[in-house]
C-alpha atoms as a PDB file:
ATOM      1  CA  MET A   1     123.413 -20.481  32.224  1.00  0.00           C
ATOM      2  CA  LYS A   2     120.147 -22.311  32.785  1.00  0.00           C
ATOM      3  CA  LYS A   3     118.248 -19.207  31.765  1.00  0.00           C
ATOM      4  CA  SER A   4     120.142 -19.070  28.439  1.00  0.00           C
ATOM      5  CA  ILE A   5     119.395 -22.711  27.683  1.00  0.00           C
ATOM      6  CA  SER A   6     115.693 -22.169  28.352  1.00  0.00           C
ATOM      7  CA  LEU A   7     115.535 -19.261  25.933  1.00  0.00           C
ATOM      8  CA  VAL A   8     117.223 -21.299  23.200  1.00  0.00           C
ATOM      9  CA  LEU A   9     114.770 -24.190  23.651  1.00  0.00           C
ATOM     10  CA  LEU A  10     111.794 -21.857  23.605  1.00  0.00           C
ATOM     11  CA  SER A  11     112.990 -20.239  20.383  1.00  0.00           C
ATOM     12  CA  ALA A  12     113.391 -23.665  18.739  1.00  0.00           C
ATOM     13  CA  VAL A  13     109.861 -24.737  19.732  1.00  0.00           C
ATOM     14  CA  LEU A  14     108.335 -21.525  18.405  1.00  0.00           C
ATOM     15  CA  ALA A  15     110.220 -21.828  15.121  1.00  0.00           C
ATOM     16  CA  THR A  16     109.055 -25.453  14.684  1.00  0.00           C
ATOM     17  CA  SER A  17     105.452 -24.456  15.470  1.00  0.00           C
ATOM     18  CA  CYS A  18     105.547 -21.659  12.884  1.00  0.00           C
ATOM     19  CA  VAL A  19     106.768 -23.961  10.030  1.00  0.00           C
ATOM     20  CA  SER A  20     104.069 -26.565  10.782  1.00  0.00           C
ATOM     21  CA  LYS A  21     101.301 -23.948  10.561  1.00  0.00           C
ATOM     22  CA  LYS A  22     102.535 -22.766   7.140  1.00  0.00           C
ATOM     23  CA  LYS A  23     102.544 -26.331   5.866  1.00  0.00           C
ATOM     24  CA  TYR A  24      99.042 -26.812   7.224  1.00  0.00           C
ATOM     25  CA  LEU A  25      97.753 -23.717   5.499  1.00  0.00           C
ATOM     26  CA  ALA A  26      99.419 -24.773   2.243  1.00  0.00           C
ATOM     27  CA  LEU A  27      97.887 -28.256   2.445  1.00  0.00           C
ATOM     28  CA  GLU A  28      94.489 -26.760   3.254  1.00  0.00           C
ATOM     29  CA  SER A  29      94.733 -24.508   0.191  1.00  0.00           C
ATOM     30  CA  ASN A  30      95.698 -27.467  -2.007  1.00  0.00           C
ATOM     31  CA  LEU A  31      92.757 -29.430  -0.620  1.00  0.00           C
ATOM     32  CA  ASN A  32      90.323 -26.640  -1.450  1.00  0.00           C
ATOM     33  CA  ASP A  33      91.757 -26.397  -4.976  1.00  0.00           C
ATOM     34  CA  THR A  34      91.409 -30.151  -5.404  1.00  0.00           C
ATOM     35  CA  LYS A  35      87.800 -30.079  -4.174  1.00  0.00           C
ATOM     36  CA  SER A  36      87.006 -27.279  -6.619  1.00  0.00           C
ATOM     37  CA  GLU A  37      88.666 -29.191  -9.455  1.00  0.00           C
ATOM     38  CA  LEU A  38      86.701 -32.307  -8.497  1.00  0.00           C
ATOM     39  CA  THR A  39      83.444 -30.338  -8.603  1.00  0.00           C
ATOM     40  CA  ASP A  40      84.313 -28.962 -12.062  1.00  0.00           C
ATOM     41  CA  THR A  41      85.244 -32.441 -13.257  1.00  0.00           C
ATOM     42  CA  LYS A  42      81.931 -33.891 -12.053  1.00  0.00           C
ATOM     43  CA  SER A  43      80.051 -31.086 -13.830  1.00  0.00           C
ATOM     44  CA  SER A  44      81.981 -31.699 -17.064  1.00  0.00           C
ATOM     45  CA  LEU A  45      81.324 -35.442 -16.762  1.00  0.00           C
ATOM     46  CA  GLU A  46      77.583 -34.867 -16.366  1.00  0.00           C
ATOM     47  CA  LYS A  47      77.563 -32.528 -19.395  1.00  0.00           C
ATOM     48  CA  THR A  48      79.558 -35.025 -21.458  1.00  0.00           C
ATOM     49  CA  THR A  49      77.138 -37.804 -20.474  1.00  0.00           C
ATOM     50  CA  ILE A  50      74.162 -35.725 -21.652  1.00  0.00           C
ATOM     51  CA  GLU A  51      75.918 -34.861 -24.914  1.00  0.00           C
ATOM     52  CA  LYS A  52      76.779 -38.537 -25.410  1.00  0.00           C
ATOM     53  CA  GLU A  53      73.132 -39.525 -24.954  1.00  0.00           C
ATOM     54  CA  GLU A  54      72.023 -36.832 -27.419  1.00  0.00           C
ATOM     55  CA  LEU A  55      74.597 -37.989 -29.975  1.00  0.00           C
ATOM     56  CA  GLU A  56      73.499 -41.602 -29.560  1.00  0.00           C
ATOM     57  CA  SER A  57      69.870 -40.546 -30.117  1.00  0.00           C
ATOM     58  CA  LYS A  58      70.794 -38.595 -33.281  1.00  0.00           C
ATOM     59  CA  TYR A  59      72.877 -41.500 -34.535  1.00  0.00           C
ATOM     60  CA  ALA A  60      69.963 -43.890 -34.031  1.00  0.00           C
ATOM     61  CA  LYS A  61      67.682 -41.581 -36.036  1.00  0.00           C
ATOM     62  CA  ILE A  62      70.251 -41.334 -38.835  1.00  0.00           C
ATOM     63  CA  GLU A  63      70.578 -45.120 -38.893  1.00  0.00           C
ATOM     64  CA  THR A  64      66.790 -45.393 -39.246  1.00  0.00           C
ATOM     65  CA  ARG A  65      66.760 -42.908 -42.135  1.00  0.00           C
ATOM     66  CA  VAL A  66      69.611 -44.730 -43.876  1.00  0.00           C
ATOM     67  CA  ALA A  67      67.690 -47.982 -43.526  1.00  0.00           C
ATOM     68  CA  ASP A  68      64.588 -46.344 -45.049  1.00  0.00           C
ATOM     69  CA  TYR A  69      66.575 -44.978 -47.983  1.00  0.00           C
ATOM     70  CA  ASN A  70      68.214 -48.350 -48.551  1.00  0.00           C
ATOM     71  CA  ALA A  71      64.780 -49.987 -48.566  1.00  0.00           C
ATOM     72  CA  LYS A  72      63.521 -47.471 -51.128  1.00  0.00           C
ATOM     73  CA  ILE A  73      66.591 -47.945 -53.300  1.00  0.00           C
ATOM     74  CA  SER A  74      66.180 -51.699 -53.045  1.00  0.00           C
ATOM     75  CA  SER A  75      62.522 -51.369 -54.029  1.00  0.00           C
ATOM     76  CA  LEU A  76      63.395 -49.212 -57.033  1.00  0.00           C
ATOM     77  CA  THR A  77      66.109 -51.634 -58.059  1.00  0.00           C
ATOM     78  CA  GLU A  78      63.668 -54.520 -57.852  1.00  0.00           C
ATOM     79  CA  ASP A  79      61.237 -52.554 -60.020  1.00  0.00           C
ATOM     80  CA  LYS A  80      64.036 -52.176 -62.577  1.00  0.00           C
ATOM     81  CA  MET A  81      64.429 -48.476 -63.297  1.00  0.00           C
ATOM     82  CA  ILE A  82      64.642 -47.780 -67.030  1.00  0.00           C
ATOM     83  CA  LYS A  83      66.587 -44.760 -68.328  1.00  0.00           C
ATOM     84  CA  ILE A  84      65.008 -42.610 -70.987  1.00  0.00           C
ATOM     85  CA  ASP A  85      67.200 -40.420 -73.167  1.00  0.00           C
ATOM     86  CA  ASP A  86      67.440 -36.869 -71.701  1.00  0.00           C
ATOM     87  CA  VAL A  87      64.074 -37.264 -69.947  1.00  0.00           C
ATOM     88  CA  GLY A  88      64.775 -39.294 -66.822  1.00  0.00           C
ATOM     89  CA  VAL A  89      63.917 -42.771 -65.611  1.00  0.00           C
ATOM     90  CA  MET A  90      60.732 -44.794 -65.355  1.00  0.00           C
ATOM     91  CA  THR A  91      59.912 -47.990 -63.478  1.00  0.00           C
ATOM     92  CA  LYS A  92      59.168 -51.304 -65.124  1.00  0.00           C
ATOM     93  CA  GLY A  93      55.646 -51.021 -63.681  1.00  0.00           C
ATOM     94  CA  THR A  94      55.081 -47.749 -65.544  1.00  0.00           C
ATOM     95  CA  LYS A  95      56.534 -49.275 -68.708  1.00  0.00           C
ATOM     96  CA  ASP A  96      54.116 -52.208 -68.421  1.00  0.00           C
ATOM     97  CA  LYS A  97      51.168 -49.812 -68.053  1.00  0.00           C
ATOM     98  CA  MET A  98      52.440 -47.866 -71.045  1.00  0.00           C
ATOM     99  CA  SER A  99      52.493 -51.059 -73.104  1.00  0.00           C
ATOM    100  CA  ALA A 100      48.878 -51.718 -72.130  1.00  0.00           C
ATOM    101  CA  VAL A 101      47.905 -48.229 -73.339  1.00  0.00           C
ATOM    102  CA  LEU A 102      49.806 -48.647 -76.614  1.00  0.00           C
ATOM    103  CA  ALA A 103      47.867 -51.845 -77.307  1.00  0.00           C
ATOM    104  CA  ASN A 104      44.830 -49.590 -77.911  1.00  0.00           C
ATOM    105  CA  VAL A 105      46.629 -47.112 -80.172  1.00  0.00           C
ATOM    106  CA  ASP A 106      46.049 -47.051 -83.914  1.00  0.00           C
ATOM    107  CA  PRO A 107      48.714 -49.292 -85.550  1.00  0.00           C
ATOM    108  CA  THR A 108      49.567 -46.539 -88.035  1.00  0.00           C
ATOM    109  CA  GLU A 109      50.438 -44.146 -85.197  1.00  0.00           C
ATOM    110  CA  LEU A 110      52.258 -46.887 -83.324  1.00  0.00           C
ATOM    111  CA  ALA A 111      54.463 -47.581 -86.341  1.00  0.00           C
ATOM    112  CA  GLY A 112      55.820 -44.036 -86.073  1.00  0.00           C
ATOM    113  CA  ALA A 113      57.156 -44.613 -82.550  1.00  0.00           C
ATOM    114  CA  LYS A 114      60.771 -45.574 -83.197  1.00  0.00           C
ATOM    115  CA  THR A 115      62.217 -45.096 -79.712  1.00  0.00           C
ATOM    116  CA  LEU A 116      61.150 -45.584 -76.098  1.00  0.00           C
ATOM    117  CA  LYS A 117      60.754 -41.816 -75.788  1.00  0.00           C
ATOM    118  CA  ASP A 118      58.425 -41.824 -78.830  1.00  0.00           C
ATOM    119  CA  SER A 119      56.354 -44.589 -77.228  1.00  0.00           C
ATOM    120  CA  ILE A 120      56.087 -42.666 -73.948  1.00  0.00           C
ATOM    121  CA  ASN A 121      54.904 -39.532 -75.759  1.00  0.00           C
ATOM    122  CA  LEU A 122      52.387 -41.547 -77.794  1.00  0.00           C
ATOM    123  CA  ALA A 123      50.961 -43.266 -74.697  1.00  0.00           C
ATOM    124  CA  ALA A 124      50.641 -39.966 -72.789  1.00  0.00           C
ATOM    125  CA  SER A 125      49.083 -38.310 -75.833  1.00  0.00           C
ATOM    126  CA  HIS A 126      46.552 -41.128 -76.275  1.00  0.00           C
ATOM    127  CA  ASN A 127      45.542 -41.143 -72.610  1.00  0.00           C
ATOM    128  CA  LEU A 128      45.257 -37.366 -72.410  1.00  0.00           C
ATOM    129  CA  LYS A 129      43.206 -37.123 -75.580  1.00  0.00           C
ATOM    130  CA  LYS A 130      40.935 -39.854 -74.267  1.00  0.00           C
ATOM    131  CA  SER A 131      40.582 -37.931 -70.976  1.00  0.00           C
ATOM    132  CA  ILE A 132      39.513 -34.624 -72.498  1.00  0.00           C
ATOM    133  CA  SER A 133      37.421 -35.603 -75.517  1.00  0.00           C
ATOM    134  CA  ASN A 134      35.365 -38.277 -77.181  1.00  0.00           C
ATOM    135  CA  LEU A 135      37.800 -39.838 -79.648  1.00  0.00           C
ATOM    136  CA  ASP A 136      35.090 -40.764 -82.124  1.00  0.00           C
ATOM    137  CA  GLU A 137      33.246 -37.436 -81.988  1.00  0.00           C
ATOM    138  CA  ASN A 138      36.086 -34.910 -81.675  1.00  0.00           C
ATOM    139  CA  GLY A 139      39.076 -36.865 -82.930  1.00  0.00           C
ATOM    140  CA  ASP A 140      39.864 -34.453 -85.787  1.00  0.00           C
ATOM    141  CA  ASP A 141      39.302 -31.302 -83.731  1.00  0.00           C
ATOM    142  CA  VAL A 142      41.600 -32.092 -80.798  1.00  0.00           C
ATOM    143  CA  THR A 143      45.272 -32.881 -81.350  1.00  0.00           C
ATOM    144  CA  VAL A 144      47.897 -33.582 -78.703  1.00  0.00           C
ATOM    145  CA  ASP A 145      51.629 -33.112 -79.268  1.00  0.00           C
ATOM    146  CA  ILE A 146      54.396 -33.660 -76.735  1.00  0.00           C
ATOM    147  CA  ASP A 147      57.909 -32.253 -76.725  1.00  0.00           C
ATOM    148  CA  ASP A 148      60.197 -33.147 -73.777  1.00  0.00           C
ATOM    149  CA  THR A 149      57.235 -33.655 -71.410  1.00  0.00           C
ATOM    150  CA  VAL A 150      55.599 -30.329 -72.421  1.00  0.00           C
ATOM    151  CA  VAL A 151      52.088 -31.244 -73.572  1.00  0.00           C
ATOM    152  CA  MET A 152      50.435 -29.112 -76.289  1.00  0.00           C
ATOM    153  CA  ILE A 153      46.715 -29.575 -76.923  1.00  0.00           C
ATOM    154  CA  SER A 154      45.306 -27.814 -79.991  1.00  0.00           C
ATOM    155  CA  VAL A 155      41.531 -27.413 -80.133  1.00  0.00           C
ATOM    156  CA  SER A 156      39.766 -26.324 -83.309  1.00  0.00           C
ATOM    157  CA  ASP A 157      37.842 -23.073 -82.991  1.00  0.00           C
ATOM    158  CA  LYS A 158      34.641 -24.743 -84.183  1.00  0.00           C
ATOM    159  CA  LEU A 159      34.526 -26.539 -80.820  1.00  0.00           C
ATOM    160  CA  LEU A 160      35.105 -23.337 -78.843  1.00  0.00           C
ATOM    161  CA  PHE A 161      33.887 -20.199 -80.646  1.00  0.00           C
ATOM    162  CA  ASN A 162      31.584 -18.948 -83.357  1.00  0.00           C
ATOM    163  CA  SER A 163      33.265 -17.212 -86.296  1.00  0.00           C
ATOM    164  CA  GLY A 164      34.821 -13.872 -85.320  1.00  0.00           C
ATOM    165  CA  SER A 165      33.639 -14.227 -81.705  1.00  0.00           C
ATOM    166  CA  TYR A 166      35.452 -14.610 -78.399  1.00  0.00           C
ATOM    167  CA  ARG A 167      32.413 -15.868 -76.475  1.00  0.00           C
ATOM    168  CA  VAL A 168      32.919 -19.527 -75.626  1.00  0.00           C
ATOM    169  CA  SER A 169      30.355 -21.860 -77.215  1.00  0.00           C
ATOM    170  CA  SER A 170      28.305 -24.190 -75.015  1.00  0.00           C
ATOM    171  CA  LYS A 171      29.695 -27.014 -77.177  1.00  0.00           C
ATOM    172  CA  ALA A 172      32.997 -26.542 -75.330  1.00  0.00           C
ATOM    173  CA  ASN A 173      31.589 -27.243 -71.848  1.00  0.00           C
ATOM    174  CA  ASN A 174      32.302 -30.975 -71.834  1.00  0.00           C
ATOM    175  CA  LEU A 175      35.817 -30.509 -73.207  1.00  0.00           C
ATOM    176  CA  LEU A 176      36.722 -27.734 -70.739  1.00  0.00           C
ATOM    177  CA  GLN A 177      35.344 -29.656 -67.778  1.00  0.00           C
ATOM    178  CA  LYS A 178      37.485 -32.695 -68.620  1.00  0.00           C
ATOM    179  CA  LEU A 179      40.506 -30.490 -69.243  1.00  0.00           C
ATOM    180  CA  ALA A 180      39.988 -28.845 -65.837  1.00  0.00           C
ATOM    181  CA  GLU A 181      39.853 -32.280 -64.202  1.00  0.00           C
ATOM    182  CA  VAL A 182      43.266 -33.110 -65.679  1.00  0.00           C
ATOM    183  CA  ILE A 183      44.717 -29.763 -64.540  1.00  0.00           C
ATOM    184  CA  ASN A 184      43.210 -29.969 -61.055  1.00  0.00           C
ATOM    185  CA  SER A 185      44.533 -33.506 -60.551  1.00  0.00           C
ATOM    186  CA  GLU A 186      48.109 -32.194 -60.525  1.00  0.00           C
ATOM    187  CA  PRO A 187      48.558 -29.321 -58.002  1.00  0.00           C
ATOM    188  CA  SER A 188      51.804 -27.877 -59.379  1.00  0.00           C
ATOM    189  CA  MET A 189      51.030 -28.134 -63.102  1.00  0.00           C
ATOM    190  CA  GLU A 190      51.199 -24.847 -65.021  1.00  0.00           C
ATOM    191  CA  VAL A 191      48.889 -24.177 -67.972  1.00  0.00           C
ATOM    192  CA  MET A 192      49.190 -21.636 -70.780  1.00  0.00           C
ATOM    193  CA  ILE A 193      46.174 -20.814 -72.963  1.00  0.00           C
ATOM    194  CA  GLU A 194      47.148 -19.464 -76.405  1.00  0.00           C
ATOM    195  CA  GLY A 195      44.712 -17.915 -78.874  1.00  0.00           C
ATOM    196  CA  HIS A 196      45.522 -18.234 -82.621  1.00  0.00           C
ATOM    197  CA  THR A 197      43.671 -16.761 -85.612  1.00  0.00           C
ATOM    198  CA  ASP A 198      43.859 -17.047 -89.384  1.00  0.00           C
ATOM    199  CA  ALA A 199      45.319 -14.223 -91.481  1.00  0.00           C
ATOM    200  CA  ARG A 200      42.072 -12.516 -92.482  1.00  0.00           C
ATOM    201  CA  THR A 201      41.804  -9.053 -90.942  1.00  0.00           C
ATOM    202  CA  ILE A 202      39.099  -8.179 -88.465  1.00  0.00           C
ATOM    203  CA  ASN A 203      37.873  -4.816 -87.189  1.00  0.00           C
ATOM    204  CA  THR A 204      34.625  -4.409 -85.304  1.00  0.00           C
ATOM    205  CA  ALA A 205      33.120  -2.265 -82.577  1.00  0.00           C
ATOM    206  CA  VAL A 206      34.703  -4.510 -79.941  1.00  0.00           C
ATOM    207  CA  LEU A 207      37.684  -6.029 -81.784  1.00  0.00           C
ATOM    208  CA  THR A 208      40.518  -3.917 -83.148  1.00  0.00           C
ATOM    209  CA  ASP A 209      42.442  -6.660 -84.958  1.00  0.00           C
ATOM    210  CA  ASN A 210      43.565 -10.297 -84.757  1.00  0.00           C
ATOM    211  CA  TRP A 211      45.789  -9.534 -81.778  1.00  0.00           C
ATOM    212  CA  ASP A 212      42.719  -8.365 -79.928  1.00  0.00           C
ATOM    213  CA  LEU A 213      40.672 -11.411 -80.983  1.00  0.00           C
ATOM    214  CA  SER A 214      43.378 -13.939 -80.047  1.00  0.00           C
ATOM    215  CA  VAL A 215      43.936 -12.388 -76.611  1.00  0.00           C
ATOM    216  CA  LYS A 216      40.211 -12.157 -75.848  1.00  0.00           C
ATOM    217  CA  ARG A 217      39.717 -15.795 -76.834  1.00  0.00           C
ATOM    218  CA  ALA A 218      42.577 -16.872 -74.558  1.00  0.00           C
ATOM    219  CA  THR A 219      41.268 -14.857 -71.608  1.00  0.00           C
ATOM    220  CA  SER A 220      37.711 -16.146 -72.177  1.00  0.00           C
ATOM    221  CA  ILE A 221      38.910 -19.739 -71.842  1.00  0.00           C
ATOM    222  CA  THR A 222      41.093 -18.795 -68.856  1.00  0.00           C
ATOM    223  CA  ARG A 223      38.200 -17.128 -67.014  1.00  0.00           C
ATOM    224  CA  LEU A 224      35.945 -20.142 -67.579  1.00  0.00           C
ATOM    225  CA  LEU A 225      38.586 -22.539 -66.252  1.00  0.00           C
ATOM    226  CA  GLN A 226      39.006 -20.351 -63.164  1.00  0.00           C
ATOM    227  CA  ASN A 227      35.409 -19.310 -62.438  1.00  0.00           C
ATOM    228  CA  LYS A 228      33.337 -22.253 -63.626  1.00  0.00           C
ATOM    229  CA  TYR A 229      35.732 -25.193 -63.339  1.00  0.00           C
ATOM    230  CA  LYS A 230      37.696 -24.046 -60.258  1.00  0.00           C
ATOM    231  CA  VAL A 231      41.203 -24.136 -61.690  1.00  0.00           C
ATOM    232  CA  ALA A 232      43.563 -22.143 -59.442  1.00  0.00           C
ATOM    233  CA  PRO A 233      44.284 -18.832 -61.245  1.00  0.00           C
ATOM    234  CA  GLU A 234      47.970 -18.864 -60.273  1.00  0.00           C
ATOM    235  CA  LYS A 235      48.388 -21.951 -62.484  1.00  0.00           C
ATOM    236  CA  LEU A 236      47.005 -20.180 -65.573  1.00  0.00           C
ATOM    237  CA  ILE A 237      48.686 -18.015 -68.225  1.00  0.00           C
ATOM    238  CA  ALA A 238      46.681 -16.325 -71.014  1.00  0.00           C
ATOM    239  CA  SER A 239      48.341 -15.210 -74.249  1.00  0.00           C
ATOM    240  CA  GLY A 240      47.363 -14.207 -77.782  1.00  0.00           C
ATOM    241  CA  ARG A 241      49.482 -15.026 -80.846  1.00  0.00           C
ATOM    242  CA  SER A 242      47.304 -13.389 -83.524  1.00  0.00           C
ATOM    243  CA  SER A 243      47.917 -15.003 -86.958  1.00  0.00           C
ATOM    244  CA  TYR A 244      51.693 -15.145 -86.706  1.00  0.00           C
ATOM    245  CA  LYS A 245      52.074 -18.814 -85.734  1.00  0.00           C
ATOM    246  CA  PRO A 246      50.118 -20.608 -88.478  1.00  0.00           C
ATOM    247  CA  LEU A 247      50.162 -24.384 -88.790  1.00  0.00           C
ATOM    248  CA  THR A 248      49.705 -24.214 -92.529  1.00  0.00           C
ATOM    249  CA  SER A 249      49.020 -21.785 -95.380  1.00  0.00           C
ATOM    250  CA  ASN A 250      46.122 -19.330 -95.056  1.00  0.00           C
ATOM    251  CA  ASP A 251      45.463 -19.488 -98.809  1.00  0.00           C
ATOM    252  CA  THR A 252      42.725 -22.110 -98.540  1.00  0.00           C
ATOM    253  CA  LYS A 253      39.550 -22.442 -96.513  1.00  0.00           C
ATOM    254  CA  GLU A 254      40.819 -25.669 -94.979  1.00  0.00           C
ATOM    255  CA  GLY A 255      44.167 -24.076 -94.097  1.00  0.00           C
ATOM    256  CA  ARG A 256      42.517 -21.090 -92.414  1.00  0.00           C
ATOM    257  CA  ALA A 257      40.244 -23.414 -90.419  1.00  0.00           C
ATOM    258  CA  LYS A 258      43.288 -25.322 -89.184  1.00  0.00           C
ATOM    259  CA  ASN A 259      45.085 -22.131 -88.153  1.00  0.00           C
ATOM    260  CA  ARG A 260      42.097 -20.894 -86.125  1.00  0.00           C
ATOM    261  CA  ARG A 261      42.691 -22.715 -82.887  1.00  0.00           C
ATOM    262  CA  THR A 262      43.272 -22.457 -79.169  1.00  0.00           C
ATOM    263  CA  ARG A 263      46.413 -24.138 -77.914  1.00  0.00           C
ATOM    264  CA  ILE A 264      46.548 -25.339 -74.309  1.00  0.00           C
ATOM    265  CA  VAL A 265      50.079 -25.968 -73.097  1.00  0.00           C
ATOM    266  CA  LEU A 266      50.500 -28.145 -70.011  1.00  0.00           C
ATOM    267  CA  ILE A 267      53.848 -27.927 -68.236  1.00  0.00           C
ATOM    268  CA  PRO A 268      54.046 -30.833 -65.776  1.00  0.00           C
ATOM    269  CA  ASN A 269      57.045 -32.152 -63.878  1.00  0.00           C
ATOM    270  CA  LEU A 270      58.378 -35.610 -64.746  1.00  0.00           C
ATOM    271  CA  GLY A 271      56.289 -37.457 -62.142  1.00  0.00           C
ATOM    272  CA  GLN A 272      53.128 -35.712 -63.306  1.00  0.00           C
ATOM    273  CA  PHE A 273      53.991 -36.505 -66.919  1.00  0.00           C
ATOM    274  CA  PHE A 274      54.262 -40.213 -66.151  1.00  0.00           C
ATOM    275  CA  SER A 275      50.877 -40.031 -64.419  1.00  0.00           C
ATOM    276  CA  LEU A 276      49.413 -39.134 -67.824  1.00  0.00           C
ATOM    277  CA  ILE A 277      50.641 -42.501 -69.076  1.00  0.00           C
ATOM    278  CA  THR A 278      49.186 -44.539 -66.219  1.00  0.00           C
ATOM    279  CA  SER A 279      45.812 -42.779 -65.938  1.00  0.00           C
ATOM    280  CA  ASN A 280      42.605 -44.353 -67.220  1.00  0.00           C
END
């Protein structure tokens, strides 16, 4: 009987011991999982902290840029931006400088400026003409027209070439040098050189017709601007128009003289165009 009781007690102890070990192993496994999760959480926290610092740095830079833009906008507002029909806007400072230029313009020309856009074109034309020629000496041989910020300078052939020739006269040196200075002052300005003739036919050992003459005159001017006056060649375009774009009738000597010309077309952006107003 005693032996039976002992066996029962021993069985109970062993069973209890076995359950406790399972619980221990389960708890140990949970602890390891928790430690691993804690490690992952710490790693994520460190990464989030770094990302937070980076975001704060970017935000600070954006705030600085916004402040700069606001300052610029405030400055422009204080300078009172003035809208110009289908051209853009100009500052009050530029308008004041334009008014100073117009004070030196011939009253007859000034009377023809009916709008702000007309006044801008007249001021730019006056300044540009003053930059590239002596107004008293060459006033009738150099004309400047402006259409939507495209500047067209027509130069009489008597300033550039001898009759029937495409060799540039030495009389043109001063004019071309000043023109090159204007072109070189604006890095992105494009320039087209157009040769124009009168309607009289020409045929020589070196010239086939007026197409040939007009093209050779344009390329002669273009080469001089590039080689002698250091204008970047990628800014230059040479073209010949023969006699097919006359300014007036070819029936008179005076009309033919007017049609024989070289036209220099400047294509600036808006900022460069306004610089023509404020120069000099």
